[in-house]
Amino acid sequence: MKSFTYTIQDELGIHARPAGLLAKAVGAHKSTVVIDSGAKKADAKRLMAVMSLGVKKGDIVTVTVEGEDEDVAAAAIEEFFRTNL
């Protein structure tokens, strides 16, 4: 299992566009990816679940990646967060 924390930098938080891109990026991997906002957790492959977290700018999330390709998936998803969120 791999995990990392990230402070959301996007002015709008995790809204529809980046949530959709995130779900697509996570879907390319076999591992399970869970985003924990502190109050709620969501499967990152499910767009509506990610949006329901209500993550805003400045919120800190913990992303956990677990599965057969977790090393590659964790690195790719962490880069996605740095680039898009």
PDB file of N, CA and C in Angstrom:
ATOM      1  N   MET A   1       0.847  -1.181   0.000  1.00  0.00           N
ATOM      2  CA  MET A   1       0.000   0.000   0.000  1.00  0.00           C
ATOM      3  C   MET A   1       0.889   1.241   0.000  1.00  0.00           C
ATOM      4  N   LYS A   2       0.544   2.184  -0.844  1.00  0.00           N
ATOM      5  CA  LYS A   2       1.243   3.469  -0.938  1.00  0.00           C
ATOM      6  C   LYS A   2       0.242   4.567  -0.608  1.00  0.00           C
ATOM      7  N   SER A   3       0.727   5.640   0.001  1.00  0.00           N
ATOM      8  CA  SER A   3      -0.160   6.780   0.245  1.00  0.00           C
ATOM      9  C   SER A   3       0.644   8.068   0.247  1.00  0.00           C
ATOM     10  N   PHE A   4      -0.062   9.150  -0.019  1.00  0.00           N
ATOM     11  CA  PHE A   4       0.543  10.473   0.045  1.00  0.00           C
ATOM     12  C   PHE A   4      -0.534  11.474   0.449  1.00  0.00           C
ATOM     13  N   THR A   5      -0.091  12.598   1.000  1.00  0.00           N
ATOM     14  CA  THR A   5      -1.022  13.676   1.326  1.00  0.00           C
ATOM     15  C   THR A   5      -0.762  14.820   0.369  1.00  0.00           C
ATOM     16  N   TYR A   6      -1.813  15.584   0.124  1.00  0.00           N
ATOM     17  CA  TYR A   6      -1.699  16.697  -0.806  1.00  0.00           C
ATOM     18  C   TYR A   6      -2.629  17.820  -0.367  1.00  0.00           C
ATOM     19  N   THR A   7      -2.138  19.047  -0.427  1.00  0.00           N
ATOM     20  CA  THR A   7      -2.958  20.221  -0.138  1.00  0.00           C
ATOM     21  C   THR A   7      -3.482  20.761  -1.460  1.00  0.00           C
ATOM     22  N   ILE A   8      -4.789  20.828  -1.591  1.00  0.00           N
ATOM     23  CA  ILE A   8      -5.428  21.258  -2.841  1.00  0.00           C
ATOM     24  C   ILE A   8      -5.098  22.720  -3.124  1.00  0.00           C
ATOM     25  N   GLN A   9      -4.586  22.986  -4.338  1.00  0.00           N
ATOM     26  CA  GLN A   9      -4.182  24.329  -4.735  1.00  0.00           C
ATOM     27  C   GLN A   9      -5.184  24.994  -5.684  1.00  0.00           C
ATOM     28  N   ASP A  10      -5.999  24.194  -6.375  1.00  0.00           N
ATOM     29  CA  ASP A  10      -6.958  24.726  -7.344  1.00  0.00           C
ATOM     30  C   ASP A  10      -7.948  25.645  -6.644  1.00  0.00           C
ATOM     31  N   GLU A  11      -8.203  26.796  -7.236  1.00  0.00           N
ATOM     32  CA  GLU A  11      -9.105  27.798  -6.645  1.00  0.00           C
ATOM     33  C   GLU A  11     -10.496  27.242  -6.352  1.00  0.00           C
ATOM     34  N   LEU A  12     -10.957  26.284  -7.171  1.00  0.00           N
ATOM     35  CA  LEU A  12     -12.301  25.733  -7.013  1.00  0.00           C
ATOM     36  C   LEU A  12     -12.317  24.385  -6.291  1.00  0.00           C
ATOM     37  N   GLY A  13     -11.158  23.929  -5.844  1.00  0.00           N
ATOM     38  CA  GLY A  13     -11.093  22.626  -5.185  1.00  0.00           C
ATOM     39  C   GLY A  13     -11.206  21.512  -6.214  1.00  0.00           C
ATOM     40  N   ILE A  14     -11.718  20.361  -5.773  1.00  0.00           N
ATOM     41  CA  ILE A  14     -11.916  19.252  -6.711  1.00  0.00           C
ATOM     42  C   ILE A  14     -13.332  19.393  -7.263  1.00  0.00           C
ATOM     43  N   HIS A  15     -13.450  20.033  -8.421  1.00  0.00           N
ATOM     44  CA  HIS A  15     -14.744  20.244  -9.061  1.00  0.00           C
ATOM     45  C   HIS A  15     -14.865  19.299 -10.257  1.00  0.00           C
ATOM     46  N   ALA A  16     -15.891  19.462 -11.057  1.00  0.00           N
ATOM     47  CA  ALA A  16     -16.242  18.498 -12.112  1.00  0.00           C
ATOM     48  C   ALA A  16     -15.109  18.175 -13.086  1.00  0.00           C
ATOM     49  N   ARG A  17     -14.462  19.188 -13.633  1.00  0.00           N
ATOM     50  CA  ARG A  17     -13.436  18.921 -14.658  1.00  0.00           C
ATOM     51  C   ARG A  17     -12.272  18.096 -14.115  1.00  0.00           C
ATOM     52  N   PRO A  18     -11.597  18.541 -13.029  1.00  0.00           N
ATOM     53  CA  PRO A  18     -10.491  17.725 -12.539  1.00  0.00           C
ATOM     54  C   PRO A  18     -10.947  16.386 -11.951  1.00  0.00           C
ATOM     55  N   ALA A  19     -12.158  16.326 -11.401  1.00  0.00           N
ATOM     56  CA  ALA A  19     -12.656  15.055 -10.867  1.00  0.00           C
ATOM     57  C   ALA A  19     -12.835  14.046 -12.003  1.00  0.00           C
ATOM     58  N   GLY A  20     -13.331  14.512 -13.139  1.00  0.00           N
ATOM     59  CA  GLY A  20     -13.486  13.644 -14.300  1.00  0.00           C
ATOM     60  C   GLY A  20     -12.148  13.174 -14.842  1.00  0.00           C
ATOM     61  N   LEU A  21     -11.204  14.094 -14.920  1.00  0.00           N
ATOM     62  CA  LEU A  21      -9.859  13.729 -15.383  1.00  0.00           C
ATOM     63  C   LEU A  21      -9.193  12.760 -14.414  1.00  0.00           C
ATOM     64  N   LEU A  22      -9.410  12.972 -13.120  1.00  0.00           N
ATOM     65  CA  LEU A  22      -8.843  12.089 -12.107  1.00  0.00           C
ATOM     66  C   LEU A  22      -9.421  10.685 -12.236  1.00  0.00           C
ATOM     67  N   ALA A  23     -10.743  10.587 -12.375  1.00  0.00           N
ATOM     68  CA  ALA A  23     -11.386   9.274 -12.512  1.00  0.00           C
ATOM     69  C   ALA A  23     -10.845   8.544 -13.737  1.00  0.00           C
ATOM     70  N   LYS A  24     -10.631   9.272 -14.820  1.00  0.00           N
ATOM     71  CA  LYS A  24     -10.088   8.663 -16.039  1.00  0.00           C
ATOM     72  C   LYS A  24      -8.642   8.202 -15.811  1.00  0.00           C
ATOM     73  N   ALA A  25      -7.842   9.025 -15.158  1.00  0.00           N
ATOM     74  CA  ALA A  25      -6.441   8.675 -14.890  1.00  0.00           C
ATOM     75  C   ALA A  25      -6.342   7.463 -13.965  1.00  0.00           C
ATOM     76  N   VAL A  26      -7.175   7.422 -12.957  1.00  0.00           N
ATOM     77  CA  VAL A  26      -7.166   6.303 -12.009  1.00  0.00           C
ATOM     78  C   VAL A  26      -7.653   5.028 -12.693  1.00  0.00           C
ATOM     79  N   GLY A  27      -8.624   5.165 -13.600  1.00  0.00           N
ATOM     80  CA  GLY A  27      -9.162   4.021 -14.316  1.00  0.00           C
ATOM     81  C   GLY A  27      -8.137   3.307 -15.178  1.00  0.00           C
ATOM     82  N   ALA A  28      -7.055   3.958 -15.503  1.00  0.00           N
ATOM     83  CA  ALA A  28      -5.996   3.357 -16.318  1.00  0.00           C
ATOM     84  C   ALA A  28      -5.147   2.373 -15.520  1.00  0.00           C
ATOM     85  N   HIS A  29      -5.371   2.315 -14.211  1.00  0.00           N
ATOM     86  CA  HIS A  29      -4.577   1.442 -13.340  1.00  0.00           C
ATOM     87  C   HIS A  29      -5.464   0.379 -12.704  1.00  0.00           C
ATOM     88  N   LYS A  30      -4.865  -0.734 -12.343  1.00  0.00           N
ATOM     89  CA  LYS A  30      -5.605  -1.833 -11.716  1.00  0.00           C
ATOM     90  C   LYS A  30      -5.787  -1.634 -10.219  1.00  0.00           C
ATOM     91  N   SER A  31      -4.966  -0.820  -9.613  1.00  0.00           N
ATOM     92  CA  SER A  31      -5.010  -0.610  -8.163  1.00  0.00           C
ATOM     93  C   SER A  31      -6.274   0.131  -7.736  1.00  0.00           C
ATOM     94  N   THR A  32      -6.627  -0.071  -6.476  1.00  0.00           N
ATOM     95  CA  THR A  32      -7.722   0.666  -5.850  1.00  0.00           C
ATOM     96  C   THR A  32      -7.155   1.974  -5.316  1.00  0.00           C
ATOM     97  N   VAL A  33      -7.831   3.084  -5.605  1.00  0.00           N
ATOM     98  CA  VAL A  33      -7.371   4.396  -5.151  1.00  0.00           C
ATOM     99  C   VAL A  33      -8.493   5.036  -4.330  1.00  0.00           C
ATOM    100  N   VAL A  34      -8.171   5.402  -3.099  1.00  0.00           N
ATOM    101  CA  VAL A  34      -9.153   6.013  -2.202  1.00  0.00           C
ATOM    102  C   VAL A  34      -8.652   7.394  -1.790  1.00  0.00           C
ATOM    103  N   ILE A  35      -9.545   8.376  -1.872  1.00  0.00           N
ATOM    104  CA  ILE A  35      -9.235   9.737  -1.428  1.00  0.00           C
ATOM    105  C   ILE A  35      -9.949   9.961  -0.100  1.00  0.00           C
ATOM    106  N   ASP A  36      -9.196  10.378   0.906  1.00  0.00           N
ATOM    107  CA  ASP A  36      -9.736  10.630   2.240  1.00  0.00           C
ATOM    108  C   ASP A  36      -9.617  12.121   2.528  1.00  0.00           C
ATOM    109  N   SER A  37     -10.767  12.773   2.708  1.00  0.00           N
ATOM    110  CA  SER A  37     -10.761  14.211   2.969  1.00  0.00           C
ATOM    111  C   SER A  37     -10.735  14.516   4.463  1.00  0.00           C
ATOM    112  N   GLY A  38     -10.706  13.484   5.277  1.00  0.00           N
ATOM    113  CA  GLY A  38     -10.763  13.680   6.722  1.00  0.00           C
ATOM    114  C   GLY A  38     -12.156  13.411   7.239  1.00  0.00           C
ATOM    115  N   ALA A  39     -13.168  13.896   6.515  1.00  0.00           N
ATOM    116  CA  ALA A  39     -14.555  13.670   6.910  1.00  0.00           C
ATOM    117  C   ALA A  39     -15.170  12.512   6.139  1.00  0.00           C
ATOM    118  N   LYS A  40     -14.746  12.338   4.884  1.00  0.00           N
ATOM    119  CA  LYS A  40     -15.304  11.300   4.016  1.00  0.00           C
ATOM    120  C   LYS A  40     -14.198  10.636   3.223  1.00  0.00           C
ATOM    121  N   LYS A  41     -14.518   9.442   2.698  1.00  0.00           N
ATOM    122  CA  LYS A  41     -13.615   8.744   1.799  1.00  0.00           C
ATOM    123  C   LYS A  41     -14.372   8.443   0.510  1.00  0.00           C
ATOM    124  N   ALA A  42     -13.622   8.392  -0.600  1.00  0.00           N
ATOM    125  CA  ALA A  42     -14.255   8.104  -1.887  1.00  0.00           C
ATOM    126  C   ALA A  42     -13.333   7.285  -2.776  1.00  0.00           C
ATOM    127  N   ASP A  43     -13.937   6.391  -3.551  1.00  0.00           N
ATOM    128  CA  ASP A  43     -13.223   5.635  -4.576  1.00  0.00           C
ATOM    129  C   ASP A  43     -12.929   6.618  -5.705  1.00  0.00           C
ATOM    130  N   ALA A  44     -11.661   6.811  -6.020  1.00  0.00           N
ATOM    131  CA  ALA A  44     -11.268   7.815  -7.013  1.00  0.00           C
ATOM    132  C   ALA A  44     -11.708   7.468  -8.431  1.00  0.00           C
ATOM    133  N   LYS A  45     -12.146   6.232  -8.667  1.00  0.00           N
ATOM    134  CA  LYS A  45     -12.636   5.849  -9.994  1.00  0.00           C
ATOM    135  C   LYS A  45     -14.075   6.300 -10.214  1.00  0.00           C
ATOM    136  N   ARG A  46     -14.732   6.735  -9.138  1.00  0.00           N
ATOM    137  CA  ARG A  46     -16.138   7.140  -9.219  1.00  0.00           C
ATOM    138  C   ARG A  46     -16.255   8.658  -9.149  1.00  0.00           C
ATOM    139  N   LEU A  47     -16.553   9.266 -10.290  1.00  0.00           N
ATOM    140  CA  LEU A  47     -16.625  10.721 -10.431  1.00  0.00           C
ATOM    141  C   LEU A  47     -17.511  11.372  -9.370  1.00  0.00           C
ATOM    142  N   MET A  48     -18.726  10.900  -9.234  1.00  0.00           N
ATOM    143  CA  MET A  48     -19.664  11.528  -8.305  1.00  0.00           C
ATOM    144  C   MET A  48     -19.213  11.361  -6.845  1.00  0.00           C
ATOM    145  N   ALA A  49     -18.578  10.238  -6.546  1.00  0.00           N
ATOM    146  CA  ALA A  49     -18.071  10.023  -5.179  1.00  0.00           C
ATOM    147  C   ALA A  49     -16.977  11.033  -4.864  1.00  0.00           C
ATOM    148  N   VAL A  50     -16.101  11.280  -5.832  1.00  0.00           N
ATOM    149  CA  VAL A  50     -15.021  12.256  -5.629  1.00  0.00           C
ATOM    150  C   VAL A  50     -15.602  13.656  -5.443  1.00  0.00           C
ATOM    151  N   MET A  51     -16.553  14.019  -6.283  1.00  0.00           N
ATOM    152  CA  MET A  51     -17.157  15.346  -6.158  1.00  0.00           C
ATOM    153  C   MET A  51     -17.921  15.505  -4.843  1.00  0.00           C
ATOM    154  N   SER A  52     -18.504  14.415  -4.339  1.00  0.00           N
ATOM    155  CA  SER A  52     -19.279  14.492  -3.101  1.00  0.00           C
ATOM    156  C   SER A  52     -18.411  14.754  -1.873  1.00  0.00           C
ATOM    157  N   LEU A  53     -17.095  14.617  -2.012  1.00  0.00           N
ATOM    158  CA  LEU A  53     -16.202  14.916  -0.890  1.00  0.00           C
ATOM    159  C   LEU A  53     -16.260  16.393  -0.516  1.00  0.00           C
ATOM    160  N   GLY A  54     -16.564  17.250  -1.481  1.00  0.00           N
ATOM    161  CA  GLY A  54     -16.643  18.685  -1.212  1.00  0.00           C
ATOM    162  C   GLY A  54     -15.296  19.308  -0.860  1.00  0.00           C
ATOM    163  N   VAL A  55     -14.236  18.838  -1.494  1.00  0.00           N
ATOM    164  CA  VAL A  55     -12.886  19.322  -1.192  1.00  0.00           C
ATOM    165  C   VAL A  55     -12.673  20.712  -1.789  1.00  0.00           C
ATOM    166  N   LYS A  56     -12.228  21.634  -0.966  1.00  0.00           N
ATOM    167  CA  LYS A  56     -12.004  23.030  -1.377  1.00  0.00           C
ATOM    168  C   LYS A  56     -10.508  23.356  -1.381  1.00  0.00           C
ATOM    169  N   LYS A  57     -10.169  24.522  -1.912  1.00  0.00           N
ATOM    170  CA  LYS A  57      -8.773  24.972  -1.905  1.00  0.00           C
ATOM    171  C   LYS A  57      -8.267  25.031  -0.471  1.00  0.00           C
ATOM    172  N   GLY A  58      -7.063  24.510  -0.257  1.00  0.00           N
ATOM    173  CA  GLY A  58      -6.449  24.511   1.059  1.00  0.00           C
ATOM    174  C   GLY A  58      -6.727  23.261   1.877  1.00  0.00           C
ATOM    175  N   ASP A  59      -7.709  22.463   1.453  1.00  0.00           N
ATOM    176  CA  ASP A  59      -7.990  21.211   2.160  1.00  0.00           C
ATOM    177  C   ASP A  59      -6.852  20.220   1.918  1.00  0.00           C
ATOM    178  N   ILE A  60      -6.580  19.407   2.912  1.00  0.00           N
ATOM    179  CA  ILE A  60      -5.553  18.379   2.789  1.00  0.00           C
ATOM    180  C   ILE A  60      -6.246  17.034   2.630  1.00  0.00           C
ATOM    181  N   VAL A  61      -5.874  16.316   1.578  1.00  0.00           N
ATOM    182  CA  VAL A  61      -6.431  14.992   1.341  1.00  0.00           C
ATOM    183  C   VAL A  61      -5.317  13.954   1.436  1.00  0.00           C
ATOM    184  N   THR A  62      -5.695  12.753   1.807  1.00  0.00           N
ATOM    185  CA  THR A  62      -4.778  11.619   1.812  1.00  0.00           C
ATOM    186  C   THR A  62      -5.246  10.657   0.730  1.00  0.00           C
ATOM    187  N   VAL A  63      -4.329  10.292  -0.147  1.00  0.00           N
ATOM    188  CA  VAL A  63      -4.642   9.378  -1.239  1.00  0.00           C
ATOM    189  C   VAL A  63      -3.922   8.059  -0.959  1.00  0.00           C
ATOM    190  N   THR A  64      -4.690   6.973  -0.955  1.00  0.00           N
ATOM    191  CA  THR A  64      -4.144   5.641  -0.699  1.00  0.00           C
ATOM    192  C   THR A  64      -4.308   4.790  -1.951  1.00  0.00           C
ATOM    193  N   VAL A  65      -3.223   4.162  -2.359  1.00  0.00           N
ATOM    194  CA  VAL A  65      -3.215   3.321  -3.559  1.00  0.00           C
ATOM    195  C   VAL A  65      -2.814   1.913  -3.138  1.00  0.00           C
ATOM    196  N   GLU A  66      -3.636   0.935  -3.523  1.00  0.00           N
ATOM    197  CA  GLU A  66      -3.337  -0.444  -3.137  1.00  0.00           C
ATOM    198  C   GLU A  66      -3.692  -1.376  -4.286  1.00  0.00           C
ATOM    199  N   GLY A  67      -2.741  -2.241  -4.650  1.00  0.00           N
ATOM    200  CA  GLY A  67      -2.993  -3.207  -5.713  1.00  0.00           C
ATOM    201  C   GLY A  67      -1.710  -3.613  -6.402  1.00  0.00           C
ATOM    202  N   GLU A  68      -1.865  -4.378  -7.466  1.00  0.00           N
ATOM    203  CA  GLU A  68      -0.691  -4.960  -8.121  1.00  0.00           C
ATOM    204  C   GLU A  68       0.209  -3.947  -8.807  1.00  0.00           C
ATOM    205  N   ASP A  69      -0.339  -2.813  -9.244  1.00  0.00           N
ATOM    206  CA  ASP A  69       0.503  -1.793  -9.893  1.00  0.00           C
ATOM    207  C   ASP A  69       0.585  -0.522  -9.047  1.00  0.00           C
ATOM    208  N   GLU A  70       0.550  -0.685  -7.726  1.00  0.00           N
ATOM    209  CA  GLU A  70       0.470   0.475  -6.831  1.00  0.00           C
ATOM    210  C   GLU A  70       1.647   1.436  -6.943  1.00  0.00           C
ATOM    211  N   ASP A  71       2.849   0.927  -7.196  1.00  0.00           N
ATOM    212  CA  ASP A  71       4.005   1.826  -7.298  1.00  0.00           C
ATOM    213  C   ASP A  71       3.857   2.787  -8.471  1.00  0.00           C
ATOM    214  N   VAL A  72       3.536   2.238  -9.620  1.00  0.00           N
ATOM    215  CA  VAL A  72       3.360   3.056 -10.832  1.00  0.00           C
ATOM    216  C   VAL A  72       2.132   3.956 -10.686  1.00  0.00           C
ATOM    217  N   ALA A  73       1.042   3.387 -10.185  1.00  0.00           N
ATOM    218  CA  ALA A  73      -0.199   4.147 -10.031  1.00  0.00           C
ATOM    219  C   ALA A  73      -0.027   5.307  -9.055  1.00  0.00           C
ATOM    220  N   ALA A  74       0.605   5.065  -7.921  1.00  0.00           N
ATOM    221  CA  ALA A  74       0.793   6.117  -6.916  1.00  0.00           C
ATOM    222  C   ALA A  74       1.615   7.269  -7.483  1.00  0.00           C
ATOM    223  N   ALA A  75       2.682   6.939  -8.208  1.00  0.00           N
ATOM    224  CA  ALA A  75       3.519   7.992  -8.797  1.00  0.00           C
ATOM    225  C   ALA A  75       2.735   8.792  -9.826  1.00  0.00           C
ATOM    226  N   ALA A  76       1.962   8.117 -10.666  1.00  0.00           N
ATOM    227  CA  ALA A  76       1.189   8.800 -11.710  1.00  0.00           C
ATOM    228  C   ALA A  76       0.096   9.675 -11.103  1.00  0.00           C
ATOM    229  N   ILE A  77      -0.567   9.179 -10.078  1.00  0.00           N
ATOM    230  CA  ILE A  77      -1.662   9.940  -9.463  1.00  0.00           C
ATOM    231  C   ILE A  77      -1.128  11.123  -8.667  1.00  0.00           C
ATOM    232  N   GLU A  78       0.002  10.943  -8.008  1.00  0.00           N
ATOM    233  CA  GLU A  78       0.602  12.071  -7.284  1.00  0.00           C
ATOM    234  C   GLU A  78       1.001  13.168  -8.274  1.00  0.00           C
ATOM    235  N   GLU A  79       1.537  12.785  -9.405  1.00  0.00           N
ATOM    236  CA  GLU A  79       1.884  13.765 -10.450  1.00  0.00           C
ATOM    237  C   GLU A  79       0.625  14.445 -10.980  1.00  0.00           C
ATOM    238  N   PHE A  80      -0.457  13.688 -11.138  1.00  0.00           N
ATOM    239  CA  PHE A  80      -1.731  14.266 -11.574  1.00  0.00           C
ATOM    240  C   PHE A  80      -2.185  15.347 -10.588  1.00  0.00           C
ATOM    241  N   PHE A  81      -2.116  15.054  -9.301  1.00  0.00           N
ATOM    242  CA  PHE A  81      -2.525  16.033  -8.287  1.00  0.00           C
ATOM    243  C   PHE A  81      -1.666  17.294  -8.390  1.00  0.00           C
ATOM    244  N   ARG A  82      -0.342  17.130  -8.512  1.00  0.00           N
ATOM    245  CA  ARG A  82       0.538  18.298  -8.602  1.00  0.00           C
ATOM    246  C   ARG A  82       0.239  19.136  -9.839  1.00  0.00           C
ATOM    247  N   THR A  83      -0.083  18.498 -10.935  1.00  0.00           N
ATOM    248  CA  THR A  83      -0.322  19.187 -12.196  1.00  0.00           C
ATOM    249  C   THR A  83      -1.705  19.822 -12.288  1.00  0.00           C
ATOM    250  N   ASN A  84      -2.714  19.141 -11.759  1.00  0.00           N
ATOM    251  CA  ASN A  84      -4.109  19.566 -11.982  1.00  0.00           C
ATOM    252  C   ASN A  84      -4.859  20.089 -10.764  1.00  0.00           C
ATOM    253  N   LEU A  85      -4.362  19.836  -9.590  1.00  0.00           N
ATOM    254  CA  LEU A  85      -5.109  20.239  -8.402  1.00  0.00           C
ATOM    255  C   LEU A  85      -4.244  21.060  -7.454  1.00  0.00           C
TER     256      LEU A  85
END
